[in-house]
């Protein structure tokens, strides 16, 4: 059976105040995407990961690996969640379904002190997916554009979908909780 896992990012200074009591998995377009996928009979998980201010990879990995990950699993990661998926897929040589990285972030300026992104991207990563799509917007933060440039250099066989007006793909930047372009790139 096809399933999906949606991975949130981490909190930034603006979100800290508003979302500290709100699970990150219930923000932005995540609930909308989950509803659409469930409507297509795709079992969908949106786990909440600990330490959203200063994430620790091993803790995220432990929660992620409790979920069923098969060649039919769709993986979607936003921001740090996208970077998490790149690391996890680089370190775990398994086959998965489609992978969508939305405004992926891998800390190119080394702001995190936890070692969350101490890894090397596996250039063969894309070959173990049913397709890897990177969605980014030119009006996003400089660190996101740096991450996308790194992915382009190491994973040229991935599909890169460029926007100019989506910011960091948050509800505030997009002006909506809906994200039909994501369903489209997933082929759903």
N, C-alpha and C. Protein backbone atom coordinates (compact mmCIF):
# COMPACT_ATOMS: atom_id res chain seq x y z
N UNK A 1 0.84 -1.19 0.00
CA UNK A 1 0.00 0.00 0.00
C UNK A 1 0.89 1.25 0.00
N UNK A 2 0.52 2.20 -0.82
CA UNK A 2 1.25 3.46 -0.89
C UNK A 2 1.03 4.25 0.40
N UNK A 3 2.10 4.86 0.90
CA UNK A 3 1.98 5.72 2.06
C UNK A 3 2.84 6.96 1.85
N UNK A 4 2.69 7.94 2.74
CA UNK A 4 3.44 9.20 2.63
C UNK A 4 3.86 9.66 4.01
N UNK A 5 5.00 10.32 4.04
CA UNK A 5 5.51 10.92 5.28
C UNK A 5 5.88 12.36 4.95
N UNK A 6 5.33 13.29 5.73
CA UNK A 6 5.59 14.72 5.55
C UNK A 6 6.42 15.19 6.74
N UNK A 7 7.59 15.76 6.45
CA UNK A 7 8.54 16.17 7.49
C UNK A 7 8.59 17.70 7.57
N UNK A 8 8.26 18.24 8.73
CA UNK A 8 8.31 19.70 8.93
C UNK A 8 9.74 20.18 9.09
N UNK A 9 9.90 21.49 9.13
CA UNK A 9 11.20 22.09 9.36
C UNK A 9 11.38 22.46 10.82
N UNK A 10 12.21 23.47 11.07
CA UNK A 10 12.44 23.92 12.44
C UNK A 10 11.90 25.33 12.60
N UNK A 11 11.84 25.78 13.83
CA UNK A 11 11.33 27.12 14.11
C UNK A 11 12.40 28.17 13.83
N UNK A 12 11.95 29.31 13.32
CA UNK A 12 12.87 30.43 13.20
C UNK A 12 12.42 31.50 14.19
N UNK A 13 13.08 32.62 14.22
CA UNK A 13 12.78 33.64 15.22
C UNK A 13 11.35 34.13 15.17
N UNK A 14 10.79 34.30 13.98
CA UNK A 14 9.42 34.81 13.86
C UNK A 14 8.42 33.77 14.33
N UNK A 15 8.59 32.53 13.94
CA UNK A 15 7.65 31.48 14.28
C UNK A 15 7.70 31.09 15.75
N UNK A 16 8.84 31.25 16.40
CA UNK A 16 8.98 30.83 17.79
C UNK A 16 7.84 31.33 18.66
N UNK A 17 7.53 32.58 18.58
CA UNK A 17 6.54 33.19 19.44
C UNK A 17 5.15 32.64 19.17
N UNK A 18 4.77 32.52 17.91
CA UNK A 18 3.43 32.11 17.54
C UNK A 18 3.19 30.61 17.62
N UNK A 19 4.20 29.82 17.38
CA UNK A 19 3.98 28.39 17.22
C UNK A 19 4.51 27.52 18.34
N UNK A 20 5.04 28.11 19.38
CA UNK A 20 5.66 27.30 20.41
C UNK A 20 4.69 26.28 21.01
N UNK A 21 3.40 26.58 21.01
CA UNK A 21 2.41 25.65 21.55
C UNK A 21 1.65 24.90 20.46
N UNK A 22 1.97 25.17 19.22
CA UNK A 22 1.30 24.53 18.09
C UNK A 22 2.24 23.53 17.45
N UNK A 23 1.84 22.28 17.31
CA UNK A 23 2.71 21.32 16.63
C UNK A 23 3.02 21.79 15.21
N UNK A 24 4.28 21.71 14.82
CA UNK A 24 4.68 22.18 13.50
C UNK A 24 3.96 21.42 12.39
N UNK A 25 3.61 20.17 12.64
CA UNK A 25 2.95 19.37 11.61
C UNK A 25 1.54 19.86 11.29
N UNK A 26 1.02 20.79 12.08
CA UNK A 26 -0.33 21.31 11.83
C UNK A 26 -0.30 22.71 11.24
N UNK A 27 0.86 23.15 10.77
CA UNK A 27 0.99 24.49 10.24
C UNK A 27 1.14 24.47 8.72
N UNK A 28 1.09 25.65 8.14
CA UNK A 28 1.31 25.86 6.71
C UNK A 28 0.41 24.96 5.86
N UNK A 29 0.98 24.29 4.88
CA UNK A 29 0.21 23.46 3.95
C UNK A 29 0.19 21.98 4.34
N UNK A 30 0.80 21.62 5.46
CA UNK A 30 0.88 20.21 5.84
C UNK A 30 -0.50 19.56 6.03
N UNK A 31 -1.43 20.17 6.79
CA UNK A 31 -2.74 19.53 6.94
C UNK A 31 -3.50 19.41 5.62
N UNK A 32 -3.36 20.43 4.76
CA UNK A 32 -4.03 20.39 3.46
C UNK A 32 -3.50 19.22 2.63
N UNK A 33 -2.16 19.08 2.59
CA UNK A 33 -1.56 17.99 1.81
C UNK A 33 -1.97 16.63 2.39
N UNK A 34 -1.94 16.52 3.70
CA UNK A 34 -2.33 15.25 4.34
C UNK A 34 -3.77 14.89 3.96
N UNK A 35 -4.66 15.87 4.02
CA UNK A 35 -6.07 15.62 3.67
C UNK A 35 -6.20 15.15 2.22
N UNK A 36 -5.47 15.78 1.32
CA UNK A 36 -5.53 15.39 -0.10
C UNK A 36 -5.00 13.97 -0.30
N UNK A 37 -3.89 13.65 0.35
CA UNK A 37 -3.30 12.32 0.19
C UNK A 37 -4.20 11.24 0.79
N UNK A 38 -4.75 11.50 1.96
CA UNK A 38 -5.66 10.54 2.58
C UNK A 38 -6.89 10.34 1.68
N UNK A 39 -7.35 11.42 1.05
CA UNK A 39 -8.47 11.33 0.12
C UNK A 39 -8.16 10.46 -1.09
N UNK A 40 -6.87 10.28 -1.38
CA UNK A 40 -6.44 9.41 -2.48
C UNK A 40 -6.08 8.01 -1.97
N UNK A 41 -6.52 7.70 -0.74
CA UNK A 41 -6.24 6.42 -0.09
C UNK A 41 -4.75 6.17 0.13
N UNK A 42 -4.02 7.24 0.42
CA UNK A 42 -2.60 7.14 0.74
C UNK A 42 -2.45 7.41 2.23
N UNK A 43 -2.09 6.38 2.98
CA UNK A 43 -1.88 6.55 4.42
C UNK A 43 -0.78 7.60 4.61
N UNK A 44 -1.05 8.62 5.40
CA UNK A 44 -0.12 9.75 5.50
C UNK A 44 0.21 10.05 6.96
N UNK A 45 1.50 10.22 7.21
CA UNK A 45 1.99 10.54 8.55
C UNK A 45 2.65 11.91 8.53
N UNK A 46 2.37 12.70 9.55
CA UNK A 46 3.01 14.00 9.73
C UNK A 46 3.56 14.06 11.16
N UNK A 47 4.65 13.35 11.40
CA UNK A 47 5.18 13.30 12.77
C UNK A 47 5.72 14.65 13.22
N UNK A 48 5.66 14.87 14.52
CA UNK A 48 6.29 16.04 15.11
C UNK A 48 7.62 15.60 15.70
N UNK A 49 8.65 16.34 15.36
CA UNK A 49 10.00 16.00 15.80
C UNK A 49 10.41 16.89 16.96
N UNK A 50 11.24 16.36 17.87
CA UNK A 50 11.64 17.12 19.06
C UNK A 50 12.67 18.20 18.74
N UNK A 51 12.83 19.07 19.70
CA UNK A 51 13.85 20.12 19.64
C UNK A 51 13.76 20.96 18.37
N UNK A 52 12.57 21.55 18.10
CA UNK A 52 12.44 22.32 16.86
C UNK A 52 13.28 23.60 16.83
N UNK A 53 13.90 23.95 17.96
CA UNK A 53 14.76 25.13 17.99
C UNK A 53 16.21 24.76 17.71
N UNK A 54 16.60 23.56 18.09
CA UNK A 54 17.98 23.11 17.97
C UNK A 54 17.96 21.60 17.74
N UNK A 55 17.59 21.16 16.53
CA UNK A 55 17.31 19.75 16.27
C UNK A 55 18.54 18.85 16.39
N UNK A 56 18.29 17.64 16.84
CA UNK A 56 19.33 16.63 16.95
C UNK A 56 18.97 15.50 16.00
N UNK A 57 19.84 15.25 15.04
CA UNK A 57 19.56 14.30 13.97
C UNK A 57 19.16 12.92 14.50
N UNK A 58 19.88 12.41 15.47
CA UNK A 58 19.61 11.06 15.97
C UNK A 58 18.20 10.94 16.52
N UNK A 59 17.71 11.99 17.18
CA UNK A 59 16.33 11.97 17.71
C UNK A 59 15.32 11.97 16.57
N UNK A 60 15.56 12.78 15.55
CA UNK A 60 14.65 12.81 14.40
C UNK A 60 14.66 11.47 13.69
N UNK A 61 15.86 10.91 13.52
CA UNK A 61 16.00 9.63 12.83
C UNK A 61 15.23 8.53 13.56
N UNK A 62 15.32 8.52 14.87
CA UNK A 62 14.64 7.50 15.66
C UNK A 62 13.12 7.54 15.43
N UNK A 63 12.55 8.72 15.42
CA UNK A 63 11.10 8.87 15.19
C UNK A 63 10.76 8.48 13.75
N UNK A 64 11.54 8.98 12.79
CA UNK A 64 11.30 8.71 11.38
C UNK A 64 11.33 7.22 11.08
N UNK A 65 12.29 6.52 11.64
CA UNK A 65 12.46 5.10 11.34
C UNK A 65 11.41 4.21 12.01
N UNK A 66 10.56 4.77 12.84
CA UNK A 66 9.44 4.02 13.40
C UNK A 66 8.31 3.88 12.38
N UNK A 67 8.39 4.67 11.31
CA UNK A 67 7.36 4.65 10.27
C UNK A 67 7.72 3.64 9.19
N UNK A 68 6.72 3.18 8.47
CA UNK A 68 6.92 2.20 7.40
C UNK A 68 7.47 2.91 6.17
N UNK A 69 8.70 2.57 5.78
CA UNK A 69 9.35 3.21 4.63
C UNK A 69 9.64 2.12 3.61
N UNK A 70 8.94 2.18 2.46
CA UNK A 70 9.03 1.15 1.44
C UNK A 70 9.27 1.80 0.07
N UNK A 71 9.42 1.00 -0.98
CA UNK A 71 9.55 1.57 -2.33
C UNK A 71 8.31 2.33 -2.78
N UNK A 72 7.19 2.20 -2.06
CA UNK A 72 5.97 2.94 -2.39
C UNK A 72 5.76 4.17 -1.52
N UNK A 73 6.71 4.47 -0.65
CA UNK A 73 6.56 5.60 0.29
C UNK A 73 6.92 6.91 -0.39
N UNK A 74 6.00 7.86 -0.33
CA UNK A 74 6.23 9.23 -0.80
C UNK A 74 6.81 10.00 0.38
N UNK A 75 7.92 10.71 0.15
CA UNK A 75 8.54 11.51 1.20
C UNK A 75 8.50 12.98 0.80
N UNK A 76 8.02 13.82 1.72
CA UNK A 76 7.97 15.26 1.50
C UNK A 76 8.63 15.93 2.68
N UNK A 77 9.61 16.78 2.41
CA UNK A 77 10.29 17.50 3.47
C UNK A 77 10.32 18.99 3.19
N UNK A 78 10.00 19.77 4.21
CA UNK A 78 10.04 21.23 4.08
C UNK A 78 11.22 21.78 4.88
N UNK A 79 12.02 22.63 4.25
CA UNK A 79 13.11 23.33 4.88
C UNK A 79 14.09 22.35 5.54
N UNK A 80 14.25 22.42 6.84
CA UNK A 80 15.15 21.50 7.54
C UNK A 80 14.68 20.05 7.36
N UNK A 81 13.37 19.85 7.23
CA UNK A 81 12.84 18.51 6.96
C UNK A 81 13.32 17.97 5.62
N UNK A 82 13.49 18.85 4.64
CA UNK A 82 14.05 18.44 3.35
C UNK A 82 15.51 18.06 3.49
N UNK A 83 16.25 18.87 4.25
CA UNK A 83 17.65 18.54 4.52
C UNK A 83 17.79 17.23 5.27
N UNK A 84 16.88 17.01 6.23
CA UNK A 84 16.88 15.73 6.96
C UNK A 84 16.72 14.57 5.98
N UNK A 85 15.78 14.68 5.05
CA UNK A 85 15.57 13.59 4.09
C UNK A 85 16.80 13.35 3.22
N UNK A 86 17.48 14.41 2.81
CA UNK A 86 18.70 14.25 2.01
C UNK A 86 19.74 13.48 2.82
N UNK A 87 19.90 13.85 4.08
CA UNK A 87 20.88 13.12 4.91
C UNK A 87 20.45 11.67 5.10
N UNK A 88 19.20 11.45 5.47
CA UNK A 88 18.73 10.10 5.75
C UNK A 88 18.85 9.21 4.51
N UNK A 89 18.45 9.74 3.37
CA UNK A 89 18.54 8.96 2.13
C UNK A 89 19.99 8.74 1.70
N UNK A 90 20.87 9.68 2.02
CA UNK A 90 22.30 9.51 1.70
C UNK A 90 22.92 8.42 2.56
N UNK A 91 22.48 8.30 3.79
CA UNK A 91 23.08 7.35 4.72
C UNK A 91 22.39 5.99 4.73
N UNK A 92 21.19 5.90 4.19
CA UNK A 92 20.42 4.65 4.18
C UNK A 92 20.10 4.29 2.75
N UNK A 93 20.76 3.30 2.25
CA UNK A 93 20.68 2.95 0.83
C UNK A 93 19.44 2.09 0.55
N UNK A 94 18.26 2.68 0.74
CA UNK A 94 17.04 1.95 0.45
C UNK A 94 16.28 2.65 -0.68
N UNK A 95 15.36 1.91 -1.28
CA UNK A 95 14.55 2.45 -2.38
C UNK A 95 13.26 3.00 -1.81
N UNK A 96 12.90 4.19 -2.26
CA UNK A 96 11.65 4.83 -1.83
C UNK A 96 10.89 5.33 -3.06
N UNK A 97 9.68 5.81 -2.83
CA UNK A 97 8.88 6.37 -3.91
C UNK A 97 9.35 7.79 -4.24
N UNK A 98 8.42 8.61 -4.65
CA UNK A 98 8.76 10.00 -5.00
C UNK A 98 9.21 10.76 -3.75
N UNK A 99 10.13 11.68 -3.96
CA UNK A 99 10.64 12.53 -2.89
C UNK A 99 10.51 13.97 -3.34
N UNK A 100 9.86 14.79 -2.51
CA UNK A 100 9.76 16.23 -2.80
C UNK A 100 10.42 17.00 -1.67
N UNK A 101 11.39 17.81 -2.05
CA UNK A 101 12.07 18.69 -1.10
C UNK A 101 11.58 20.11 -1.37
N UNK A 102 10.89 20.68 -0.40
CA UNK A 102 10.31 22.01 -0.56
C UNK A 102 11.16 22.99 0.23
N UNK A 103 11.77 23.94 -0.47
CA UNK A 103 12.66 24.92 0.15
C UNK A 103 13.66 24.23 1.08
N UNK A 104 14.38 23.23 0.57
CA UNK A 104 15.27 22.46 1.44
C UNK A 104 16.39 23.31 2.02
N UNK A 105 16.75 22.97 3.27
CA UNK A 105 17.81 23.69 3.98
C UNK A 105 18.76 22.68 4.60
N UNK A 106 20.04 22.85 4.36
CA UNK A 106 21.04 21.96 4.95
C UNK A 106 22.11 22.74 5.70
N UNK A 107 21.74 23.92 6.18
CA UNK A 107 22.61 24.73 7.03
C UNK A 107 23.96 25.04 6.38
N UNK A 108 23.97 25.62 5.18
CA UNK A 108 25.25 25.87 4.50
C UNK A 108 26.16 26.85 5.24
N UNK A 109 25.58 27.69 6.09
CA UNK A 109 26.41 28.64 6.84
C UNK A 109 26.76 28.12 8.24
N UNK A 110 26.44 26.84 8.49
CA UNK A 110 26.80 26.17 9.75
C UNK A 110 26.31 26.94 10.99
N UNK A 111 25.01 27.22 11.02
CA UNK A 111 24.41 27.92 12.15
C UNK A 111 24.05 26.99 13.30
N UNK A 112 23.72 25.74 12.98
CA UNK A 112 23.36 24.77 14.02
C UNK A 112 24.61 24.23 14.70
N UNK A 113 24.51 24.04 16.01
CA UNK A 113 25.65 23.52 16.76
C UNK A 113 25.52 22.02 17.05
N UNK A 114 24.44 21.40 16.58
CA UNK A 114 24.15 20.00 16.94
C UNK A 114 24.74 18.97 15.98
N UNK A 115 25.34 19.40 14.89
CA UNK A 115 25.88 18.45 13.92
C UNK A 115 24.80 17.82 13.05
N UNK A 116 23.62 18.41 13.03
CA UNK A 116 22.48 17.86 12.29
C UNK A 116 22.83 17.59 10.83
N UNK A 117 23.66 18.42 10.25
CA UNK A 117 23.98 18.28 8.83
C UNK A 117 25.45 17.90 8.58
N UNK A 118 26.04 17.17 9.52
CA UNK A 118 27.41 16.67 9.32
C UNK A 118 27.35 15.38 8.52
N UNK A 119 27.28 15.51 7.20
CA UNK A 119 27.21 14.35 6.31
C UNK A 119 27.60 14.79 4.91
N UNK A 120 27.78 13.81 4.04
CA UNK A 120 28.09 14.07 2.63
C UNK A 120 26.92 13.56 1.80
N UNK A 121 26.43 14.37 0.90
CA UNK A 121 25.32 13.97 0.03
C UNK A 121 25.79 12.84 -0.88
N UNK A 122 25.01 11.77 -0.93
CA UNK A 122 25.30 10.64 -1.81
C UNK A 122 24.85 11.00 -3.23
N UNK A 123 25.78 11.07 -4.19
CA UNK A 123 25.41 11.42 -5.56
C UNK A 123 24.47 10.40 -6.21
N UNK A 124 24.39 9.18 -5.66
CA UNK A 124 23.50 8.15 -6.20
C UNK A 124 22.12 8.14 -5.58
N UNK A 125 21.86 9.08 -4.72
CA UNK A 125 20.59 9.15 -3.99
C UNK A 125 19.37 9.12 -4.91
N UNK A 126 19.36 9.89 -5.96
CA UNK A 126 18.20 10.01 -6.84
C UNK A 126 17.84 8.67 -7.47
N UNK A 127 18.85 7.85 -7.76
CA UNK A 127 18.60 6.56 -8.41
C UNK A 127 17.82 5.59 -7.52
N UNK A 128 17.75 5.88 -6.23
CA UNK A 128 17.01 5.02 -5.31
C UNK A 128 15.64 5.59 -4.98
N UNK A 129 15.17 6.52 -5.80
CA UNK A 129 13.84 7.11 -5.63
C UNK A 129 13.04 6.92 -6.92
N UNK A 130 11.74 7.13 -6.81
CA UNK A 130 10.90 7.13 -8.02
C UNK A 130 10.91 8.52 -8.65
N UNK A 131 11.82 9.35 -8.21
CA UNK A 131 11.96 10.71 -8.70
C UNK A 131 12.15 11.65 -7.53
N UNK A 132 13.15 12.54 -7.62
CA UNK A 132 13.39 13.52 -6.57
C UNK A 132 13.16 14.90 -7.17
N UNK A 133 12.25 15.65 -6.56
CA UNK A 133 11.89 16.98 -7.04
C UNK A 133 12.26 18.00 -5.97
N UNK A 134 12.97 19.03 -6.36
CA UNK A 134 13.33 20.12 -5.46
C UNK A 134 12.53 21.35 -5.87
N UNK A 135 11.73 21.84 -4.96
CA UNK A 135 10.91 23.04 -5.23
C UNK A 135 11.50 24.19 -4.42
N UNK A 136 11.77 25.29 -5.09
CA UNK A 136 12.35 26.44 -4.40
C UNK A 136 11.87 27.72 -5.07
N UNK A 137 11.98 28.81 -4.31
CA UNK A 137 11.54 30.11 -4.82
C UNK A 137 12.70 31.09 -4.74
N UNK A 138 12.87 31.86 -5.79
CA UNK A 138 13.98 32.81 -5.87
C UNK A 138 13.90 33.91 -4.82
N UNK A 139 12.69 34.13 -4.25
CA UNK A 139 12.56 35.15 -3.21
C UNK A 139 12.67 34.57 -1.80
N UNK A 140 13.24 33.38 -1.68
CA UNK A 140 13.47 32.76 -0.38
C UNK A 140 14.78 33.29 0.21
N UNK A 141 15.12 32.83 1.40
CA UNK A 141 16.34 33.23 2.09
C UNK A 141 17.57 32.75 1.33
N UNK A 142 18.65 33.47 1.49
CA UNK A 142 19.92 33.15 0.81
C UNK A 142 20.39 31.73 1.15
N UNK A 143 20.19 31.30 2.39
CA UNK A 143 20.64 29.96 2.79
C UNK A 143 19.90 28.86 2.03
N UNK A 144 18.65 29.09 1.69
CA UNK A 144 17.89 28.09 0.92
C UNK A 144 18.46 28.01 -0.49
N UNK A 145 18.73 29.16 -1.09
CA UNK A 145 19.28 29.18 -2.45
C UNK A 145 20.66 28.50 -2.46
N UNK A 146 21.46 28.70 -1.42
CA UNK A 146 22.77 28.03 -1.32
C UNK A 146 22.58 26.51 -1.24
N UNK A 147 21.61 26.08 -0.45
CA UNK A 147 21.33 24.64 -0.34
C UNK A 147 20.91 24.07 -1.68
N UNK A 148 20.02 24.77 -2.38
CA UNK A 148 19.55 24.31 -3.70
C UNK A 148 20.73 24.24 -4.68
N UNK A 149 21.61 25.23 -4.65
CA UNK A 149 22.78 25.21 -5.54
C UNK A 149 23.66 24.00 -5.25
N UNK A 150 23.82 23.66 -3.97
CA UNK A 150 24.60 22.48 -3.61
C UNK A 150 23.93 21.21 -4.14
N UNK A 151 22.62 21.14 -4.00
CA UNK A 151 21.89 19.97 -4.51
C UNK A 151 22.01 19.87 -6.03
N UNK A 152 21.92 21.00 -6.71
CA UNK A 152 22.08 21.00 -8.17
C UNK A 152 23.44 20.46 -8.58
N UNK A 153 24.48 20.83 -7.82
CA UNK A 153 25.84 20.40 -8.15
C UNK A 153 26.04 18.90 -7.92
N UNK A 154 25.44 18.36 -6.85
CA UNK A 154 25.67 16.96 -6.49
C UNK A 154 24.62 16.03 -7.09
N UNK A 155 23.40 16.54 -7.28
CA UNK A 155 22.29 15.71 -7.77
C UNK A 155 21.70 16.28 -9.06
N UNK A 156 22.47 16.40 -10.12
CA UNK A 156 21.96 17.01 -11.34
C UNK A 156 20.81 16.23 -11.98
N UNK A 157 20.66 14.96 -11.65
CA UNK A 157 19.58 14.16 -12.21
C UNK A 157 18.24 14.39 -11.51
N UNK A 158 18.23 15.16 -10.43
CA UNK A 158 16.98 15.53 -9.77
C UNK A 158 16.24 16.55 -10.63
N UNK A 159 14.96 16.71 -10.37
CA UNK A 159 14.15 17.73 -11.06
C UNK A 159 14.07 18.96 -10.17
N UNK A 160 14.37 20.11 -10.72
CA UNK A 160 14.34 21.36 -9.96
C UNK A 160 13.21 22.23 -10.49
N UNK A 161 12.27 22.57 -9.61
CA UNK A 161 11.11 23.37 -10.00
C UNK A 161 11.25 24.74 -9.32
N UNK A 162 11.51 25.74 -10.14
CA UNK A 162 11.78 27.09 -9.64
C UNK A 162 10.52 27.96 -9.67
N UNK A 163 10.33 28.71 -8.60
CA UNK A 163 9.25 29.69 -8.50
C UNK A 163 9.90 31.04 -8.21
N UNK A 164 9.14 32.10 -8.34
CA UNK A 164 9.70 33.42 -8.03
C UNK A 164 8.92 34.15 -6.95
N UNK A 165 7.79 33.57 -6.50
CA UNK A 165 6.91 34.31 -5.60
C UNK A 165 6.35 33.49 -4.44
N UNK A 166 7.03 32.44 -4.03
CA UNK A 166 6.52 31.57 -2.96
C UNK A 166 7.28 31.74 -1.65
N UNK A 167 8.34 32.58 -1.64
CA UNK A 167 9.11 32.77 -0.41
C UNK A 167 9.63 31.45 0.11
N UNK A 168 9.37 31.19 1.39
CA UNK A 168 9.83 29.96 2.02
C UNK A 168 8.72 28.89 2.05
N UNK A 169 7.72 29.07 1.20
CA UNK A 169 6.61 28.12 1.09
C UNK A 169 5.89 27.95 2.43
N UNK A 170 5.72 29.05 3.14
CA UNK A 170 4.94 29.06 4.37
C UNK A 170 3.58 29.66 4.05
N UNK A 171 2.64 29.47 4.94
CA UNK A 171 1.31 30.05 4.73
C UNK A 171 1.41 31.56 4.57
N UNK A 172 2.24 32.19 5.36
CA UNK A 172 2.41 33.64 5.28
C UNK A 172 2.96 34.07 3.93
N UNK A 173 3.98 33.38 3.44
CA UNK A 173 4.60 33.75 2.16
C UNK A 173 3.71 33.44 0.97
N UNK A 174 2.98 32.33 1.04
CA UNK A 174 2.15 31.90 -0.09
C UNK A 174 0.76 32.53 -0.06
N UNK A 175 0.34 33.00 1.12
CA UNK A 175 -0.99 33.58 1.24
C UNK A 175 -2.11 32.54 1.23
N UNK A 176 -1.75 31.29 1.45
CA UNK A 176 -2.74 30.21 1.43
C UNK A 176 -2.18 28.99 2.15
N UNK A 177 -3.08 28.11 2.57
CA UNK A 177 -2.68 26.83 3.16
C UNK A 177 -2.70 25.73 2.11
N UNK A 178 -3.07 26.06 0.89
CA UNK A 178 -3.15 25.07 -0.19
C UNK A 178 -1.87 25.12 -1.03
N UNK A 179 -1.50 23.96 -1.57
CA UNK A 179 -0.26 23.85 -2.32
C UNK A 179 -0.46 22.85 -3.46
N UNK A 180 -1.33 23.18 -4.44
CA UNK A 180 -1.62 22.25 -5.52
C UNK A 180 -0.41 21.92 -6.40
N UNK A 181 0.56 22.82 -6.48
CA UNK A 181 1.77 22.55 -7.27
C UNK A 181 2.53 21.35 -6.73
N UNK A 182 2.45 21.14 -5.42
CA UNK A 182 3.13 20.00 -4.81
C UNK A 182 2.46 18.68 -5.21
N UNK A 183 1.13 18.68 -5.17
CA UNK A 183 0.41 17.47 -5.63
C UNK A 183 0.76 17.17 -7.08
N UNK A 184 0.87 18.22 -7.89
CA UNK A 184 1.16 18.06 -9.31
C UNK A 184 2.55 17.43 -9.52
N UNK A 185 3.57 17.92 -8.81
CA UNK A 185 4.91 17.36 -9.01
C UNK A 185 5.00 15.92 -8.49
N UNK A 186 4.14 15.58 -7.54
CA UNK A 186 4.10 14.21 -7.04
C UNK A 186 3.33 13.29 -7.99
N UNK A 187 2.72 13.88 -9.01
CA UNK A 187 1.96 13.11 -9.99
C UNK A 187 0.62 12.63 -9.45
N UNK A 188 0.04 13.39 -8.51
CA UNK A 188 -1.23 12.98 -7.89
C UNK A 188 -2.36 13.93 -8.22
